[in-house]
Amino acid sequence: MAKSAEELKKLTLEEFQKEAGQFDNNDPSIYNLCRKDYPEILAEIEKEPFTDLLDAGCGTGAVISLLADKYPDKHYTGIDISPNMIEVAKSKSSSNSAFVCGDCEQLPFDENSFDVITCSMSFHHYPHPEKFFTSCYRVLRPNGRLIIRDMTVAPAFLWFVNHVEIPLAHLIGKGDVACYGEKDLERFCKQSGLKLELFEHRKGCRLHSVMRKIK
């Protein structure tokens, strides 16, 4: 039986509450592998100037830490569903960063607050991805960007991953919801008002995508 949105969020919360204390260590793990995404995320961010950045699903604040060291004159905000992750992030935060415990599908920020939103290996945990896109549109400034880095596979394999692999992952406590392709992101953009500017399959089964708020 398919799990409800509430059940999926509970699985995600339980998974990352448990992992928060060891998330940043160097032990081989799926979380450790996610660090390989950071250079390409930073390279995408740096293509355009920005002042205020939001990292959605920020975990322990790794992406923000890298940015805050490199660009100390900018302002950074991280949001994550796990209180334990947020506590770790706060313990190493700088004066130009803030961390909030909350739901990325309902971003608790004012309209037109950010120049760029990043979402690194978190998007596949959202039961209502269309709500996340709509929320991003609301809090982005005009011409602002949403940069998503997540797992993906070739279109021919999406059905198998979403209907076989991910349900099996639920049995071992993983809160994954779905793996997405270009057509999915096009649909979410159309629903939210964002414009899909870039969608690439990159090595390591990675989705690399940029959306923009035109108005």
Foldseek 3Di string as FASTA:
>chain_A
DDDDQVLLVVLAQVVLLVCLVPLPPDDDDPSNVLVVCLVVVVVVVVVDDWAEEEEEQCFLPPSVVVVCVVCVRHAYEYEHQYPSRQVNNVVPDDPRYYYYHDDLLADPDAFQATQEYEYGACLQLHQCNLSNLQNCLRNHHAFGKYKYKHAADPPVCQCCCQPPVVVVVVVVRHSGHGHDDDVVVCVSCVSRVWAWDDWDQDPPRMTITMITRND
